[in-house]
Amino acid sequence: MDPKRDAYESRSAALSNAPEEQSRLHAASARANEAFRCFAHKISVRTGSPVAFALALGTIVVWSLAGPVFGFSDTWQLVINTSTTIVTFLMVFLVQATQNRDSEAIHLKLDELLRAVSDARSSLIDVESLPEYKLEELRSQFRRISQDKSRSPLSFGAESAPRAEQPDEDSRRVG
């Protein structure tokens, strides 16, 4: 047996299976991401509910009332400090994951609206990926447009609010 040949053949076999292995890893990663997304969404919905707030408030009340029982000891304080630190640390990641997904969905919806509206500038699709100085240039353009009432199709002042047409004097008279 030739060790060099065996090593070459095993490397060749590994390389020939690489696309299949990558596909399997990609599928496993996609399943893990989807499971985390579902988990993060469920936790986000539940922790944002009035019931979750009531439970958190109840926990603080019980902890506060237990203070005299434990003599306001260091352990008593450590329990709440450690608990809140752990919960806060984990919630940051869950909330960030949920916000990232929501933000991406909003961007996709806005991109679709920009694409669908004929007067819209399609160059604004994927504007969120522009560098900060380009975004500032766009902000300045939109400020100028909003200040130039002749170019602005919408004005937000009370004087430009649409009014119901008033019938003229002749049309109010009935026969």
N, C-alpha and C. Protein backbone atom coordinates (compact mmCIF):
# COMPACT_ATOMS: atom_id res chain seq x y z
N MET A 1 0.82 -1.18 0.00
CA MET A 1 0.00 0.00 0.00
C MET A 1 0.87 1.25 0.00
N ASP A 2 0.46 2.18 -0.81
CA ASP A 2 1.18 3.43 -0.92
C ASP A 2 0.44 4.49 -0.11
N PRO A 3 1.04 5.03 0.97
CA PRO A 3 0.36 6.02 1.81
C PRO A 3 0.05 7.31 1.06
N LYS A 4 0.93 7.70 0.12
CA LYS A 4 0.66 8.93 -0.62
C LYS A 4 -0.57 8.76 -1.51
N ARG A 5 -0.67 7.59 -2.13
CA ARG A 5 -1.81 7.33 -3.01
C ARG A 5 -3.11 7.27 -2.20
N ASP A 6 -3.06 6.62 -1.03
CA ASP A 6 -4.25 6.54 -0.17
C ASP A 6 -4.69 7.94 0.28
N ALA A 7 -3.74 8.80 0.63
CA ALA A 7 -4.07 10.17 1.05
C ALA A 7 -4.68 10.93 -0.11
N TYR A 8 -4.11 10.76 -1.31
CA TYR A 8 -4.64 11.44 -2.49
C TYR A 8 -6.06 10.99 -2.79
N GLU A 9 -6.29 9.68 -2.72
CA GLU A 9 -7.63 9.14 -3.01
C GLU A 9 -8.66 9.60 -1.97
N SER A 10 -8.25 9.66 -0.71
CA SER A 10 -9.20 10.10 0.32
C SER A 10 -9.52 11.58 0.15
N ARG A 11 -8.49 12.40 -0.24
CA ARG A 11 -8.76 13.82 -0.51
C ARG A 11 -9.65 13.99 -1.73
N SER A 12 -9.42 13.20 -2.76
CA SER A 12 -10.26 13.27 -3.96
C SER A 12 -11.70 12.89 -3.65
N ALA A 13 -11.86 11.86 -2.83
CA ALA A 13 -13.21 11.44 -2.45
C ALA A 13 -13.90 12.53 -1.63
N ALA A 14 -13.15 13.17 -0.74
CA ALA A 14 -13.73 14.25 0.07
C ALA A 14 -14.13 15.43 -0.80
N LEU A 15 -13.29 15.77 -1.78
CA LEU A 15 -13.62 16.88 -2.68
C LEU A 15 -14.81 16.56 -3.56
N SER A 16 -14.94 15.31 -3.98
CA SER A 16 -16.07 14.96 -4.84
C SER A 16 -17.39 15.00 -4.05
N ASN A 17 -17.32 14.79 -2.75
CA ASN A 17 -18.52 14.85 -1.91
C ASN A 17 -18.77 16.25 -1.35
N ALA A 18 -17.89 17.21 -1.64
CA ALA A 18 -17.99 18.55 -1.07
C ALA A 18 -19.31 19.24 -1.42
N PRO A 19 -19.76 19.26 -2.68
CA PRO A 19 -21.04 19.93 -2.96
C PRO A 19 -22.21 19.30 -2.20
N GLU A 20 -22.20 17.97 -2.11
CA GLU A 20 -23.27 17.29 -1.38
C GLU A 20 -23.21 17.64 0.11
N GLU A 21 -22.00 17.68 0.65
CA GLU A 21 -21.82 18.03 2.06
C GLU A 21 -22.23 19.49 2.31
N GLN A 22 -21.86 20.39 1.40
CA GLN A 22 -22.24 21.79 1.55
C GLN A 22 -23.76 21.95 1.49
N SER A 23 -24.38 21.21 0.60
CA SER A 23 -25.83 21.27 0.49
C SER A 23 -26.49 20.78 1.78
N ARG A 24 -25.96 19.73 2.34
CA ARG A 24 -26.50 19.18 3.58
C ARG A 24 -26.30 20.17 4.72
N LEU A 25 -25.12 20.79 4.77
CA LEU A 25 -24.85 21.79 5.82
C LEU A 25 -25.75 23.02 5.64
N HIS A 26 -25.95 23.44 4.40
CA HIS A 26 -26.82 24.59 4.14
C HIS A 26 -28.25 24.29 4.59
N ALA A 27 -28.74 23.09 4.30
CA ALA A 27 -30.10 22.72 4.70
C ALA A 27 -30.21 22.69 6.23
N ALA A 28 -29.20 22.15 6.89
CA ALA A 28 -29.22 22.11 8.36
C ALA A 28 -29.18 23.52 8.94
N SER A 29 -28.37 24.39 8.34
CA SER A 29 -28.29 25.77 8.79
C SER A 29 -29.62 26.50 8.57
N ALA A 30 -30.26 26.25 7.44
CA ALA A 30 -31.55 26.88 7.15
C ALA A 30 -32.61 26.41 8.15
N ARG A 31 -32.59 25.13 8.49
CA ARG A 31 -33.55 24.62 9.48
C ARG A 31 -33.31 25.25 10.85
N ALA A 32 -32.04 25.37 11.23
CA ALA A 32 -31.70 25.98 12.53
C ALA A 32 -32.12 27.45 12.55
N ASN A 33 -31.86 28.17 11.45
CA ASN A 33 -32.27 29.58 11.38
C ASN A 33 -33.77 29.73 11.47
N GLU A 34 -34.51 28.88 10.78
CA GLU A 34 -35.97 28.96 10.81
C GLU A 34 -36.51 28.62 12.21
N ALA A 35 -35.90 27.63 12.85
CA ALA A 35 -36.32 27.27 14.21
C ALA A 35 -36.07 28.44 15.17
N PHE A 36 -34.91 29.08 15.03
CA PHE A 36 -34.60 30.23 15.89
C PHE A 36 -35.56 31.38 15.60
N ARG A 37 -35.87 31.63 14.31
CA ARG A 37 -36.78 32.70 13.94
C ARG A 37 -38.15 32.48 14.58
N CYS A 38 -38.66 31.25 14.49
CA CYS A 38 -39.96 30.94 15.09
C CYS A 38 -39.91 31.12 16.61
N PHE A 39 -38.85 30.61 17.22
CA PHE A 39 -38.69 30.74 18.66
C PHE A 39 -38.62 32.21 19.07
N ALA A 40 -37.79 33.00 18.38
CA ALA A 40 -37.63 34.41 18.71
C ALA A 40 -38.94 35.16 18.54
N HIS A 41 -39.68 34.85 17.48
CA HIS A 41 -40.96 35.52 17.25
C HIS A 41 -41.96 35.20 18.37
N LYS A 42 -42.06 33.92 18.73
CA LYS A 42 -43.00 33.52 19.79
C LYS A 42 -42.64 34.19 21.11
N ILE A 43 -41.36 34.18 21.46
CA ILE A 43 -40.92 34.79 22.71
C ILE A 43 -41.17 36.30 22.67
N SER A 44 -40.88 36.92 21.54
CA SER A 44 -41.09 38.36 21.40
C SER A 44 -42.56 38.72 21.59
N VAL A 45 -43.45 37.95 20.99
CA VAL A 45 -44.89 38.20 21.11
C VAL A 45 -45.33 38.01 22.56
N ARG A 46 -44.87 36.94 23.17
CA ARG A 46 -45.30 36.64 24.55
C ARG A 46 -44.73 37.63 25.56
N THR A 47 -43.47 38.01 25.40
CA THR A 47 -42.88 38.93 26.38
C THR A 47 -43.37 40.36 26.20
N GLY A 48 -43.95 40.65 25.07
CA GLY A 48 -44.52 41.98 24.85
C GLY A 48 -45.97 42.08 25.25
N SER A 49 -46.49 41.07 25.89
CA SER A 49 -47.91 41.04 26.25
C SER A 49 -48.14 41.62 27.65
N PRO A 50 -49.37 42.04 27.92
CA PRO A 50 -49.70 42.52 29.27
C PRO A 50 -49.49 41.45 30.35
N VAL A 51 -49.71 40.19 30.00
CA VAL A 51 -49.52 39.10 30.96
C VAL A 51 -48.05 39.02 31.38
N ALA A 52 -47.14 39.14 30.41
CA ALA A 52 -45.72 39.09 30.73
C ALA A 52 -45.32 40.27 31.61
N PHE A 53 -45.87 41.44 31.31
CA PHE A 53 -45.58 42.61 32.14
C PHE A 53 -46.08 42.39 33.57
N ALA A 54 -47.29 41.84 33.71
CA ALA A 54 -47.86 41.57 35.03
C ALA A 54 -47.00 40.56 35.79
N LEU A 55 -46.51 39.53 35.09
CA LEU A 55 -45.63 38.55 35.74
C LEU A 55 -44.33 39.20 36.21
N ALA A 56 -43.75 40.04 35.38
CA ALA A 56 -42.51 40.72 35.75
C ALA A 56 -42.74 41.64 36.95
N LEU A 57 -43.83 42.38 36.90
CA LEU A 57 -44.16 43.27 38.01
C LEU A 57 -44.41 42.46 39.29
N GLY A 58 -45.13 41.35 39.16
CA GLY A 58 -45.39 40.48 40.31
C GLY A 58 -44.10 39.92 40.90
N THR A 59 -43.17 39.56 40.04
CA THR A 59 -41.87 39.06 40.51
C THR A 59 -41.15 40.11 41.32
N ILE A 60 -41.17 41.34 40.85
CA ILE A 60 -40.50 42.43 41.57
C ILE A 60 -41.19 42.69 42.91
N VAL A 61 -42.51 42.64 42.94
CA VAL A 61 -43.25 42.86 44.19
C VAL A 61 -42.93 41.76 45.19
N VAL A 62 -42.96 40.50 44.74
CA VAL A 62 -42.64 39.36 45.63
C VAL A 62 -41.21 39.49 46.14
N TRP A 63 -40.29 39.83 45.24
CA TRP A 63 -38.89 40.00 45.65
C TRP A 63 -38.76 41.12 46.68
N SER A 64 -39.46 42.22 46.46
CA SER A 64 -39.40 43.35 47.40
C SER A 64 -39.97 42.96 48.76
N LEU A 65 -41.10 42.25 48.75
CA LEU A 65 -41.70 41.82 50.02
C LEU A 65 -40.84 40.79 50.75
N ALA A 66 -40.05 40.03 49.99
CA ALA A 66 -39.18 39.03 50.62
C ALA A 66 -37.94 39.68 51.24
N GLY A 67 -37.68 40.93 50.93
CA GLY A 67 -36.50 41.62 51.48
C GLY A 67 -36.40 41.57 52.99
N PRO A 68 -37.46 41.96 53.71
CA PRO A 68 -37.37 41.92 55.17
C PRO A 68 -37.18 40.49 55.72
N VAL A 69 -37.79 39.51 55.03
CA VAL A 69 -37.64 38.12 55.48
C VAL A 69 -36.18 37.69 55.43
N PHE A 70 -35.47 38.12 54.36
CA PHE A 70 -34.07 37.74 54.20
C PHE A 70 -33.12 38.81 54.74
N GLY A 71 -33.66 39.78 55.44
CA GLY A 71 -32.83 40.82 56.05
C GLY A 71 -32.12 41.69 55.02
N PHE A 72 -32.72 41.83 53.84
CA PHE A 72 -32.12 42.64 52.76
C PHE A 72 -30.66 42.26 52.54
N SER A 73 -30.40 40.96 52.58
CA SER A 73 -29.02 40.44 52.50
C SER A 73 -28.45 40.60 51.09
N ASP A 74 -27.14 40.36 51.02
CA ASP A 74 -26.46 40.40 49.72
C ASP A 74 -27.01 39.31 48.79
N THR A 75 -27.34 38.17 49.34
CA THR A 75 -27.89 37.08 48.52
C THR A 75 -29.25 37.49 47.95
N TRP A 76 -30.05 38.14 48.76
CA TRP A 76 -31.37 38.63 48.31
C TRP A 76 -31.19 39.57 47.12
N GLN A 77 -30.24 40.49 47.19
CA GLN A 77 -29.98 41.42 46.10
C GLN A 77 -29.38 40.71 44.89
N LEU A 78 -28.51 39.75 45.17
CA LEU A 78 -27.84 39.02 44.09
C LEU A 78 -28.84 38.24 43.24
N VAL A 79 -29.87 37.71 43.87
CA VAL A 79 -30.88 36.93 43.14
C VAL A 79 -31.53 37.79 42.06
N ILE A 80 -32.00 38.97 42.41
CA ILE A 80 -32.68 39.80 41.43
C ILE A 80 -31.69 40.37 40.41
N ASN A 81 -30.51 40.75 40.85
CA ASN A 81 -29.51 41.29 39.92
C ASN A 81 -29.10 40.25 38.88
N THR A 82 -28.84 39.04 39.33
CA THR A 82 -28.44 37.97 38.41
C THR A 82 -29.58 37.61 37.47
N SER A 83 -30.77 37.49 38.01
CA SER A 83 -31.93 37.13 37.18
C SER A 83 -32.20 38.16 36.10
N THR A 84 -32.21 39.42 36.49
CA THR A 84 -32.49 40.46 35.50
C THR A 84 -31.37 40.58 34.47
N THR A 85 -30.14 40.37 34.88
CA THR A 85 -29.02 40.43 33.94
C THR A 85 -29.13 39.32 32.90
N ILE A 86 -29.43 38.13 33.33
CA ILE A 86 -29.55 36.99 32.40
C ILE A 86 -30.72 37.20 31.44
N VAL A 87 -31.86 37.59 31.98
CA VAL A 87 -33.03 37.81 31.13
C VAL A 87 -32.77 38.93 30.13
N THR A 88 -32.18 40.02 30.59
CA THR A 88 -31.88 41.14 29.70
C THR A 88 -30.90 40.74 28.61
N PHE A 89 -29.87 40.02 28.97
CA PHE A 89 -28.86 39.58 28.00
C PHE A 89 -29.50 38.73 26.91
N LEU A 90 -30.33 37.78 27.29
CA LEU A 90 -30.97 36.91 26.29
C LEU A 90 -32.00 37.67 25.46
N MET A 91 -32.75 38.55 26.10
CA MET A 91 -33.79 39.30 25.39
C MET A 91 -33.20 40.24 24.34
N VAL A 92 -32.02 40.76 24.58
CA VAL A 92 -31.38 41.63 23.58
C VAL A 92 -31.25 40.90 22.26
N PHE A 93 -30.81 39.66 22.30
CA PHE A 93 -30.62 38.89 21.06
C PHE A 93 -31.96 38.54 20.42
N LEU A 94 -32.93 38.17 21.23
CA LEU A 94 -34.24 37.83 20.67
C LEU A 94 -34.91 39.04 20.05
N VAL A 95 -34.86 40.16 20.73
CA VAL A 95 -35.48 41.37 20.19
C VAL A 95 -34.75 41.83 18.94
N GLN A 96 -33.43 41.76 18.94
CA GLN A 96 -32.66 42.17 17.76
C GLN A 96 -32.98 41.27 16.57
N ALA A 97 -33.10 39.98 16.78
CA ALA A 97 -33.44 39.07 15.69
C ALA A 97 -34.82 39.39 15.13
N THR A 98 -35.77 39.67 16.00
CA THR A 98 -37.12 40.01 15.55
C THR A 98 -37.13 41.33 14.82
N GLN A 99 -36.42 42.32 15.33
CA GLN A 99 -36.37 43.63 14.67
C GLN A 99 -35.67 43.55 13.32
N ASN A 100 -34.61 42.75 13.23
CA ASN A 100 -33.93 42.59 11.94
C ASN A 100 -34.88 42.01 10.90
N ARG A 101 -35.63 41.01 11.29
CA ARG A 101 -36.57 40.38 10.35
C ARG A 101 -37.68 41.37 9.97
N ASP A 102 -38.24 42.07 10.94
CA ASP A 102 -39.29 43.04 10.65
C ASP A 102 -38.77 44.16 9.74
N SER A 103 -37.57 44.63 10.01
CA SER A 103 -36.98 45.68 9.20
C SER A 103 -36.77 45.20 7.76
N GLU A 104 -36.29 43.99 7.61
CA GLU A 104 -36.08 43.43 6.27
C GLU A 104 -37.42 43.30 5.53
N ALA A 105 -38.45 42.85 6.23
CA ALA A 105 -39.77 42.72 5.60
C ALA A 105 -40.30 44.09 5.17
N ILE A 106 -40.12 45.10 5.99
CA ILE A 106 -40.58 46.45 5.64
C ILE A 106 -39.81 46.97 4.43
N HIS A 107 -38.50 46.74 4.41
CA HIS A 107 -37.70 47.16 3.26
C HIS A 107 -38.18 46.48 1.98
N LEU A 108 -38.47 45.20 2.05
CA LEU A 108 -38.94 44.48 0.87
C LEU A 108 -40.29 45.03 0.39
N LYS A 109 -41.17 45.32 1.33
CA LYS A 109 -42.47 45.89 0.96
C LYS A 109 -42.30 47.26 0.32
N LEU A 110 -41.44 48.09 0.90
CA LEU A 110 -41.20 49.41 0.32
C LEU A 110 -40.55 49.30 -1.05
N ASP A 111 -39.61 48.37 -1.19
CA ASP A 111 -38.98 48.16 -2.49
C ASP A 111 -40.02 47.78 -3.54
N GLU A 112 -40.96 46.93 -3.15
CA GLU A 112 -42.02 46.53 -4.08
C GLU A 112 -42.89 47.73 -4.45
N LEU A 113 -43.22 48.57 -3.49
CA LEU A 113 -44.00 49.77 -3.79
C LEU A 113 -43.24 50.70 -4.73
N LEU A 114 -41.95 50.88 -4.47
CA LEU A 114 -41.16 51.73 -5.36
C LEU A 114 -41.12 51.17 -6.77
N ARG A 115 -41.02 49.86 -6.86
CA ARG A 115 -40.98 49.22 -8.16
C ARG A 115 -42.31 49.36 -8.89
N ALA A 116 -43.40 49.30 -8.15
CA ALA A 116 -44.73 49.28 -8.75
C ALA A 116 -45.24 50.67 -9.13
N VAL A 117 -44.82 51.70 -8.42
CA VAL A 117 -45.33 53.05 -8.69
C VAL A 117 -44.49 53.67 -9.81
N SER A 118 -45.16 54.08 -10.86
CA SER A 118 -44.43 54.55 -12.04
C SER A 118 -43.65 55.84 -11.80
N ASP A 119 -44.14 56.73 -10.96
CA ASP A 119 -43.46 58.00 -10.73
C ASP A 119 -42.34 57.90 -9.69
N ALA A 120 -42.26 56.79 -9.00
CA ALA A 120 -41.24 56.63 -7.96
C ALA A 120 -39.87 56.42 -8.59
N ARG A 121 -38.85 56.84 -7.87
CA ARG A 121 -37.48 56.63 -8.34
C ARG A 121 -37.06 55.22 -7.96
N SER A 122 -36.88 54.37 -8.94
CA SER A 122 -36.48 52.99 -8.65
C SER A 122 -35.06 52.93 -8.11
N SER A 123 -34.31 54.02 -8.23
CA SER A 123 -32.95 54.05 -7.67
C SER A 123 -32.98 54.01 -6.14
N LEU A 124 -34.16 54.25 -5.54
CA LEU A 124 -34.27 54.21 -4.09
C LEU A 124 -34.42 52.79 -3.56
N ILE A 125 -34.62 51.83 -4.45
CA ILE A 125 -34.66 50.44 -4.01
C ILE A 125 -33.27 50.09 -3.48
N ASP A 126 -33.23 49.44 -2.35
CA ASP A 126 -31.98 49.08 -1.65
C ASP A 126 -31.21 50.30 -1.17
N VAL A 127 -31.90 51.41 -0.92
CA VAL A 127 -31.24 52.62 -0.45
C VAL A 127 -30.58 52.39 0.91
N GLU A 128 -31.09 51.43 1.69
CA GLU A 128 -30.53 51.18 3.02
C GLU A 128 -29.09 50.67 2.95
N SER A 129 -28.65 50.20 1.80
CA SER A 129 -27.29 49.69 1.68
C SER A 129 -26.30 50.78 1.25
N LEU A 130 -26.78 52.00 1.02
CA LEU A 130 -25.89 53.09 0.62
C LEU A 130 -25.05 53.56 1.81
N PRO A 131 -23.88 54.14 1.51
CA PRO A 131 -23.07 54.71 2.60
C PRO A 131 -23.79 55.92 3.21
N GLU A 132 -23.39 56.27 4.40
CA GLU A 132 -24.06 57.33 5.16
C GLU A 132 -24.07 58.66 4.40
N TYR A 133 -22.98 59.01 3.74
CA TYR A 133 -22.94 60.30 3.04
C TYR A 133 -23.94 60.34 1.89
N LYS A 134 -24.19 59.21 1.23
CA LYS A 134 -25.19 59.16 0.16
C LYS A 134 -26.60 59.33 0.75
N LEU A 135 -26.84 58.71 1.90
CA LEU A 135 -28.14 58.88 2.56
C LEU A 135 -28.36 60.34 2.95
N GLU A 136 -27.31 61.00 3.40
CA GLU A 136 -27.43 62.42 3.76
C GLU A 136 -27.73 63.27 2.53
N GLU A 137 -27.14 62.92 1.40
CA GLU A 137 -27.45 63.62 0.15
C GLU A 137 -28.93 63.46 -0.21
N LEU A 138 -29.45 62.25 -0.06
CA LEU A 138 -30.87 62.01 -0.34
C LEU A 138 -31.76 62.79 0.62
N ARG A 139 -31.39 62.81 1.91
CA ARG A 139 -32.16 63.59 2.89
C ARG A 139 -32.21 65.05 2.48
N SER A 140 -31.08 65.58 2.06
CA SER A 140 -31.04 66.99 1.63
C SER A 140 -31.93 67.21 0.41
N GLN A 141 -31.91 66.28 -0.54
CA GLN A 141 -32.78 66.40 -1.71
C GLN A 141 -34.24 66.44 -1.30
N PHE A 142 -34.63 65.55 -0.39
CA PHE A 142 -36.02 65.50 0.03
C PHE A 142 -36.41 66.72 0.85
N ARG A 143 -35.47 67.27 1.62
CA ARG A 143 -35.76 68.51 2.34
C ARG A 143 -36.02 69.65 1.35
N ARG A 144 -35.18 69.73 0.30
CA ARG A 144 -35.38 70.78 -0.70
C ARG A 144 -36.73 70.60 -1.41
N ILE A 145 -37.07 69.36 -1.72
CA ILE A 145 -38.36 69.10 -2.38
C ILE A 145 -39.51 69.51 -1.49
N SER A 146 -39.43 69.17 -0.20
CA SER A 146 -40.54 69.50 0.71
C SER A 146 -40.63 71.00 0.94
N GLN A 147 -39.52 71.72 0.86
CA GLN A 147 -39.56 73.17 1.05
C GLN A 147 -40.03 73.90 -0.20
N ASP A 148 -39.89 73.28 -1.34
CA ASP A 148 -40.32 73.88 -2.60
C ASP A 148 -41.75 73.46 -2.87
N LYS A 149 -42.70 74.29 -2.45
CA LYS A 149 -44.11 73.91 -2.53
C LYS A 149 -44.57 73.70 -3.96
N SER A 150 -43.94 74.36 -4.91
CA SER A 150 -44.37 74.20 -6.29
C SER A 150 -44.01 72.82 -6.83
N ARG A 151 -42.97 72.20 -6.28
CA ARG A 151 -42.56 70.87 -6.73
C ARG A 151 -43.16 69.77 -5.88
N SER A 152 -43.69 70.13 -4.72
CA SER A 152 -44.20 69.12 -3.80
C SER A 152 -45.65 68.79 -4.12
N PRO A 153 -45.94 67.54 -4.49
CA PRO A 153 -47.33 67.18 -4.80
C PRO A 153 -48.22 67.16 -3.57
N LEU A 154 -47.66 66.98 -2.41
CA LEU A 154 -48.44 66.96 -1.17
C LEU A 154 -47.93 68.04 -0.25
N SER A 155 -48.84 68.74 0.33
CA SER A 155 -48.48 69.72 1.33
C SER A 155 -49.26 69.37 2.59
N PHE A 156 -48.63 69.52 3.73
CA PHE A 156 -49.25 69.06 4.96
C PHE A 156 -49.88 70.19 5.75
N GLY A 157 -49.95 71.38 5.20
CA GLY A 157 -50.57 72.50 5.91
C GLY A 157 -52.07 72.41 5.85
N ALA A 158 -52.73 73.09 6.80
CA ALA A 158 -54.19 73.06 6.85
C ALA A 158 -54.81 73.72 5.64
N GLU A 159 -54.09 74.74 5.08
CA GLU A 159 -54.66 75.44 3.95
C GLU A 159 -54.75 74.58 2.69
N SER A 160 -53.99 73.48 2.66
CA SER A 160 -54.03 72.65 1.47
C SER A 160 -54.87 71.39 1.65
N ALA A 161 -55.53 71.28 2.79
CA ALA A 161 -56.35 70.09 3.03
C ALA A 161 -57.49 70.06 2.02
N PRO A 162 -57.79 68.88 1.49
CA PRO A 162 -58.86 68.80 0.51
C PRO A 162 -60.19 69.18 1.15
N ARG A 163 -60.99 69.89 0.39
CA ARG A 163 -62.29 70.31 0.89
C ARG A 163 -63.37 69.67 0.04
N ALA A 164 -64.48 69.42 0.69
CA ALA A 164 -65.62 68.90 -0.06
C ALA A 164 -66.15 70.02 -0.93
N GLU A 165 -66.51 69.67 -2.13
CA GLU A 165 -67.02 70.71 -3.03
C GLU A 165 -68.35 71.22 -2.50
N GLN A 166 -68.47 72.53 -2.47
CA GLN A 166 -69.71 73.16 -2.04
C GLN A 166 -70.59 73.36 -3.27
N PRO A 167 -71.83 72.95 -3.19
CA PRO A 167 -72.69 73.17 -4.35
C PRO A 167 -72.91 74.67 -4.54
N ASP A 168 -72.97 75.09 -5.78
CA ASP A 168 -73.21 76.51 -6.02
C ASP A 168 -74.67 76.85 -5.73
N GLU A 169 -74.94 78.13 -5.71
CA GLU A 169 -76.26 78.63 -5.32
C GLU A 169 -77.37 78.06 -6.19
N ASP A 170 -77.15 77.94 -7.49
CA ASP A 170 -78.18 77.45 -8.41
C ASP A 170 -78.53 75.98 -8.17
N SER A 171 -77.52 75.16 -7.84
CA SER A 171 -77.79 73.73 -7.68
C SER A 171 -78.48 73.42 -6.35
N ARG A 172 -78.43 74.36 -5.39
CA ARG A 172 -79.10 74.14 -4.12
C ARG A 172 -80.59 74.33 -4.24
N ARG A 173 -80.99 75.09 -5.17
CA ARG A 173 -82.44 75.36 -5.33
C ARG A 173 -83.11 74.14 -5.93
N VAL A 174 -84.15 73.76 -5.32
CA VAL A 174 -84.91 72.64 -5.86
C VAL A 174 -86.16 73.22 -6.50
N GLY A 175 -86.35 72.97 -7.80
CA GLY A 175 -87.44 73.36 -8.66
C GLY A 175 -88.35 74.38 -8.26
